[in-house]
Amino acid sequence: MKKWVLIVSLMIGLSAFAAVEPTLPSQELKLVRGWNLVTLERPIEADSVAKLLKLCPFRLDPATQALVRCETAADLQPGSGIWLFSQKEQYLVLVSDATQTTWNTPSLVPGWNLIGFLETSSWKDSATAIYQWTNGSFQEIDKAKLTVGTAYCVKK
């Protein structure tokens, strides 16, 4: 009887262990009521893309220096600055896309850039001015105070 209980317990434990899949970290966006300037830290799954697209996000087209609406997952790239308007204060949990293990991050172009500061970002040395969106307006920020996972308005 004891062997039977031990075997069943072992089988249950192993099946529970096998059901646990490794996951990439998710990203949580804290949105305030009104306009938010955010960036993605890594590629995200289709469900997370859908959550963002419902908020009608915009990005800055580096070639034309015009804001354009993001309509597809290709428009929501890690490291790009994204404008979102939220009707209320809320958190969005974005699930990382485990199928994408590498991705390109944007670099600065001449003029203004909406760009995120990521661990792999190398743009800060070529920036001439950096502004952070805080409490509904832009505040100039020192290069030494950049925060990973934050989007900035940057002049090159």
Foldseek 3Di string as FASTA:
>chain_A
DVVVVVVVVVVVVVVVVVVDDDFDAKDKDWDAAFKDKFFDQAQFDPVLVVVQVVQQKWFQDQVVRDIDTDDDSVSRHGFTIIIGHDNHTDMRITGHDPVDPDDDHDEDDAAKGWTFAAPPDDRLVVFPWKWAQDPNDTDTDDSVPHDHRGIIITHD
